[in-house]
Amino acid sequence: MSIRQSLLAILDQGPCYGYQLRLEFERRTGATWPLNVGQIYSTLDRLERDGLVAKGDTSEQGHVYYAITDAGRQEVAEWLGSPVTRSAASRDELAIKFAIAVTLPGADVGAIVQVQRAASLRALQDLTRAKNATGDPDSVEHLAGMLVLDSLIFQAEADVRWLDHVENRLTRAAASGALAPLPLSTETPKRGRPVRAGAGTAADGQTSARR
């Protein structure tokens, strides 16, 4: 999730101070990704450094307002007009956890599946309850929140289906004998090897000759 572009898009509606930005972000996303004020201000500092926002007036209460610059507006336009790329090489923590676990001796991968499934089902239930909570169905705030909740619900459902798939793969692997610990490789890595004694002698000699 891009906090940077999201805050810029809000600032494109008018100058805001940090806590105001936090409230606006939560109001527009159904409070599904709460931000702390420190996170807001650290992002604003980077945006100011990059010339995308500029400090403006300070209120009587001491609130410092930030305003978007032309460069910031350009970045918002590019963000809204560009697709979100989900790289196939992205490091999904859950997938990596299972990939490592199946190679380890003594790891009960079946139990790991059950623990994760229970957590995913709880998350799915919580999200469904949040979706069914009261709210004005005709408001744009409700619509914005529902879009985020629907996305999270679909992701949780996909996690549960993927865990079923993992369990089936484990069953087939165990039946075929493929489910076995993976020992450390005995091959010496070609990169990062220690420098051999005397390896720098020739270079040192050339350096000395040039002195």
Protein backbone atom coordinates (compact mmCIF):
# COMPACT_ATOMS: atom_id res chain seq x y z
CA MET A 1 0.00 0.00 0.00
CA SER A 2 1.36 3.42 -0.93
CA ILE A 3 1.03 5.80 2.01
CA ARG A 4 3.02 8.36 0.06
CA GLN A 5 0.66 8.61 -2.90
CA SER A 6 -2.44 8.26 -0.75
CA LEU A 7 -1.49 11.26 1.39
CA LEU A 8 -0.57 13.24 -1.72
CA ALA A 9 -3.98 12.48 -3.23
CA ILE A 10 -5.69 13.78 -0.09
CA LEU A 11 -3.53 16.90 -0.07
CA ASP A 12 -4.58 17.47 -3.66
CA GLN A 13 -8.01 18.31 -2.19
CA GLY A 14 -6.53 21.07 -0.03
CA PRO A 15 -3.87 21.81 2.62
CA CYS A 16 -3.93 19.64 5.76
CA TYR A 17 -1.90 19.18 8.91
CA GLY A 18 -0.62 15.80 10.12
CA TYR A 19 -3.42 14.64 12.41
CA GLN A 20 -6.00 15.89 9.93
CA LEU A 21 -4.36 13.78 7.23
CA ARG A 22 -4.54 10.75 9.51
CA LEU A 23 -8.26 11.22 10.06
CA GLU A 24 -8.89 11.81 6.36
CA PHE A 25 -6.97 8.68 5.40
CA GLU A 26 -8.94 6.54 7.87
CA ARG A 27 -12.22 8.13 6.80
CA ARG A 28 -11.53 7.31 3.16
CA THR A 29 -10.33 3.72 3.73
CA GLY A 30 -12.81 2.50 6.32
CA ALA A 31 -10.11 2.69 9.04
CA THR A 32 -8.81 -0.69 7.83
CA TRP A 33 -5.17 0.49 7.82
CA PRO A 34 -4.75 2.82 10.79
CA LEU A 35 -1.72 5.10 10.64
CA ASN A 36 0.04 6.71 13.56
CA VAL A 37 0.86 10.39 13.53
CA GLY A 38 4.60 9.71 13.52
CA GLN A 39 4.21 7.74 10.30
CA ILE A 40 2.28 10.63 8.79
CA TYR A 41 4.90 13.23 9.66
CA SER A 42 7.84 11.09 8.54
CA THR A 43 6.10 10.67 5.18
CA LEU A 44 5.44 14.42 4.99
CA ASP A 45 9.13 15.10 5.69
CA ARG A 46 10.11 12.89 2.75
CA LEU A 47 7.49 14.45 0.50
CA GLU A 48 8.79 17.91 1.38
CA ARG A 49 12.36 16.80 0.76
CA ASP A 50 11.33 15.53 -2.69
CA GLY A 51 9.56 18.79 -3.54
CA LEU A 52 6.09 17.22 -3.66
CA VAL A 53 4.64 19.21 -0.75
CA ALA A 54 5.53 22.50 0.91
CA LYS A 55 4.89 23.81 4.41
CA GLY A 56 2.26 26.50 4.52
CA ASP A 57 0.51 28.44 7.25
CA THR A 58 0.54 27.57 10.94
CA SER A 59 -2.79 27.77 12.76
CA GLU A 60 -3.36 29.44 16.11
CA GLN A 61 -3.29 25.96 17.64
CA GLY A 62 0.19 25.37 16.23
CA HIS A 63 -0.85 23.03 13.44
CA VAL A 64 1.49 23.25 10.45
CA TYR A 65 -0.39 22.90 7.17
CA TYR A 66 1.15 21.16 4.16
CA ALA A 67 0.16 21.98 0.60
CA ILE A 68 0.77 19.92 -2.52
CA THR A 69 3.06 21.29 -5.22
CA ASP A 70 2.72 21.00 -9.00
CA ALA A 71 5.21 18.11 -8.91
CA GLY A 72 3.06 16.44 -6.27
CA ARG A 73 -0.04 16.80 -8.43
CA GLN A 74 1.85 15.21 -11.29
CA GLU A 75 2.78 12.24 -9.12
CA VAL A 76 -0.83 11.79 -8.03
CA ALA A 77 -1.97 11.83 -11.67
CA GLU A 78 0.66 9.25 -12.60
CA TRP A 79 -0.29 7.06 -9.62
CA LEU A 80 -3.99 7.10 -10.44
CA GLY A 81 -3.28 6.43 -14.12
CA SER A 82 -0.87 3.53 -13.57
CA PRO A 83 -1.68 -0.10 -12.74
CA VAL A 84 -0.57 -1.65 -9.46
CA THR A 85 1.95 -4.32 -10.38
CA ARG A 86 1.94 -7.41 -8.20
CA SER A 87 5.32 -8.92 -8.98
CA ALA A 88 5.50 -12.69 -9.24
CA ALA A 89 8.78 -12.43 -7.36
CA SER A 90 7.25 -10.57 -4.41
CA ARG A 91 8.24 -12.05 -1.06
CA ASP A 92 4.97 -13.34 0.35
CA GLU A 93 5.79 -14.16 3.97
CA LEU A 94 3.26 -17.00 4.19
CA ALA A 95 4.49 -18.73 1.03
CA ILE A 96 8.13 -18.33 2.09
CA LYS A 97 7.33 -19.75 5.54
CA PHE A 98 5.87 -22.92 4.03
CA ALA A 99 8.64 -23.20 1.45
CA ILE A 100 11.25 -23.18 4.23
CA ALA A 101 9.21 -25.39 6.59
CA VAL A 102 8.89 -28.30 4.16
CA THR A 103 12.69 -28.48 3.91
CA LEU A 104 13.33 -28.60 7.66
CA PRO A 105 13.71 -31.79 9.72
CA GLY A 106 11.09 -32.13 12.43
CA ALA A 107 8.84 -29.34 11.15
CA ASP A 108 5.18 -30.38 11.39
CA VAL A 109 3.96 -28.65 8.26
CA GLY A 110 0.47 -30.10 8.65
CA ALA A 111 0.17 -28.42 12.05
CA ILE A 112 1.44 -25.16 10.56
CA VAL A 113 -1.34 -25.38 7.95
CA GLN A 114 -3.97 -25.89 10.67
CA VAL A 115 -2.72 -22.95 12.74
CA GLN A 116 -2.70 -20.69 9.70
CA ARG A 117 -6.13 -21.86 8.52
CA ALA A 118 -7.64 -21.10 11.93
CA ALA A 119 -6.09 -17.60 11.86
CA SER A 120 -7.30 -16.97 8.30
CA LEU A 121 -10.84 -18.10 9.16
CA ARG A 122 -10.89 -15.82 12.21
CA ALA A 123 -9.74 -12.92 10.06
CA LEU A 124 -12.43 -13.73 7.51
CA GLN A 125 -15.11 -13.77 10.22
CA ASP A 126 -13.90 -10.44 11.64
CA LEU A 127 -13.89 -8.84 8.20
CA THR A 128 -17.37 -10.14 7.44
CA ARG A 129 -18.68 -8.74 10.73
CA ALA A 130 -17.08 -5.39 9.93
CA LYS A 131 -18.70 -5.40 6.51
CA ASN A 132 -22.11 -6.09 8.01
CA ALA A 133 -21.76 -3.31 10.59
CA THR A 134 -24.20 -0.46 10.39
CA GLY A 135 -23.44 2.47 8.16
CA ASP A 136 -25.02 4.73 5.59
CA PRO A 137 -25.02 2.57 2.43
CA ASP A 138 -25.64 5.64 0.29
CA SER A 139 -22.54 7.56 1.42
CA VAL A 140 -19.27 7.67 -0.48
CA GLU A 141 -17.43 6.97 2.79
CA HIS A 142 -19.35 3.70 3.13
CA LEU A 143 -18.56 2.80 -0.47
CA ALA A 144 -14.84 3.52 0.01
CA GLY A 145 -14.71 1.40 3.15
CA MET A 146 -16.58 -1.46 1.50
CA LEU A 147 -14.16 -1.53 -1.42
CA VAL A 148 -11.26 -2.03 0.97
CA LEU A 149 -13.11 -4.59 3.09
CA ASP A 150 -14.18 -6.56 0.02
CA SER A 151 -10.56 -6.71 -1.11
CA LEU A 152 -9.43 -7.99 2.30
CA ILE A 153 -12.24 -10.56 2.37
CA PHE A 154 -11.29 -11.87 -1.08
CA GLN A 155 -7.65 -12.12 0.04
CA ALA A 156 -8.62 -14.03 3.20
CA GLU A 157 -10.80 -16.40 1.16
CA ALA A 158 -7.92 -16.92 -1.26
CA ASP A 159 -5.60 -17.72 1.67
CA VAL A 160 -8.00 -20.41 2.90
CA ARG A 161 -8.25 -21.94 -0.58
CA TRP A 162 -4.47 -21.83 -0.97
CA LEU A 163 -4.02 -23.59 2.38
CA ASP A 164 -6.35 -26.38 1.16
CA HIS A 165 -4.12 -26.62 -1.91
CA VAL A 166 -0.98 -26.76 0.29
CA GLU A 167 -2.52 -29.57 2.34
CA ASN A 168 -3.30 -31.58 -0.81
CA ARG A 169 0.25 -31.07 -2.09
CA LEU A 170 1.68 -32.22 1.25
CA THR A 171 -0.46 -35.36 1.15
CA ARG A 172 0.72 -36.23 -2.36
CA ALA A 173 4.34 -35.44 -1.50
CA ALA A 174 4.23 -37.66 1.59
CA ALA A 175 2.71 -40.51 -0.42
CA SER A 176 5.42 -40.28 -3.08
CA GLY A 177 8.26 -39.93 -0.60
CA ALA A 178 9.14 -36.43 -1.77
CA LEU A 179 8.47 -34.89 1.65
CA ALA A 180 11.94 -35.14 3.19
CA PRO A 181 14.34 -32.72 4.91
CA LEU A 182 16.71 -30.81 2.66
CA PRO A 183 20.27 -30.95 4.06
CA LEU A 184 22.70 -28.10 3.67
CA SER A 185 24.57 -28.18 0.39
CA THR A 186 28.16 -29.39 0.56
CA GLU A 187 29.12 -27.28 -2.46
CA THR A 188 31.31 -24.31 -1.65
CA PRO A 189 29.62 -21.08 -2.81
CA LYS A 190 31.53 -19.35 -5.60
CA ARG A 191 30.73 -15.90 -4.26
CA GLY A 192 31.78 -14.66 -0.85
CA ARG A 193 34.65 -17.13 -0.42
CA PRO A 194 37.48 -16.11 1.94
CA VAL A 195 40.51 -14.55 0.27
CA ARG A 196 43.31 -17.12 0.00
CA ALA A 197 46.59 -16.39 1.69
CA GLY A 198 48.99 -14.67 -0.71
CA ALA A 199 46.21 -13.87 -3.20
CA GLY A 200 47.00 -10.18 -2.96
CA THR A 201 50.79 -10.55 -3.35
CA ALA A 202 50.96 -9.71 -7.06
CA ALA A 203 48.68 -6.71 -6.70
CA ASP A 204 50.60 -5.56 -3.66
CA GLY A 205 53.84 -5.85 -5.58
CA GLN A 206 52.44 -3.76 -8.43
CA THR A 207 51.26 -1.17 -5.97
CA SER A 208 54.69 -1.06 -4.32
CA ALA A 209 56.40 -0.69 -7.69
CA ARG A 210 54.26 2.34 -8.51
CA ARG A 211 55.14 4.10 -5.26
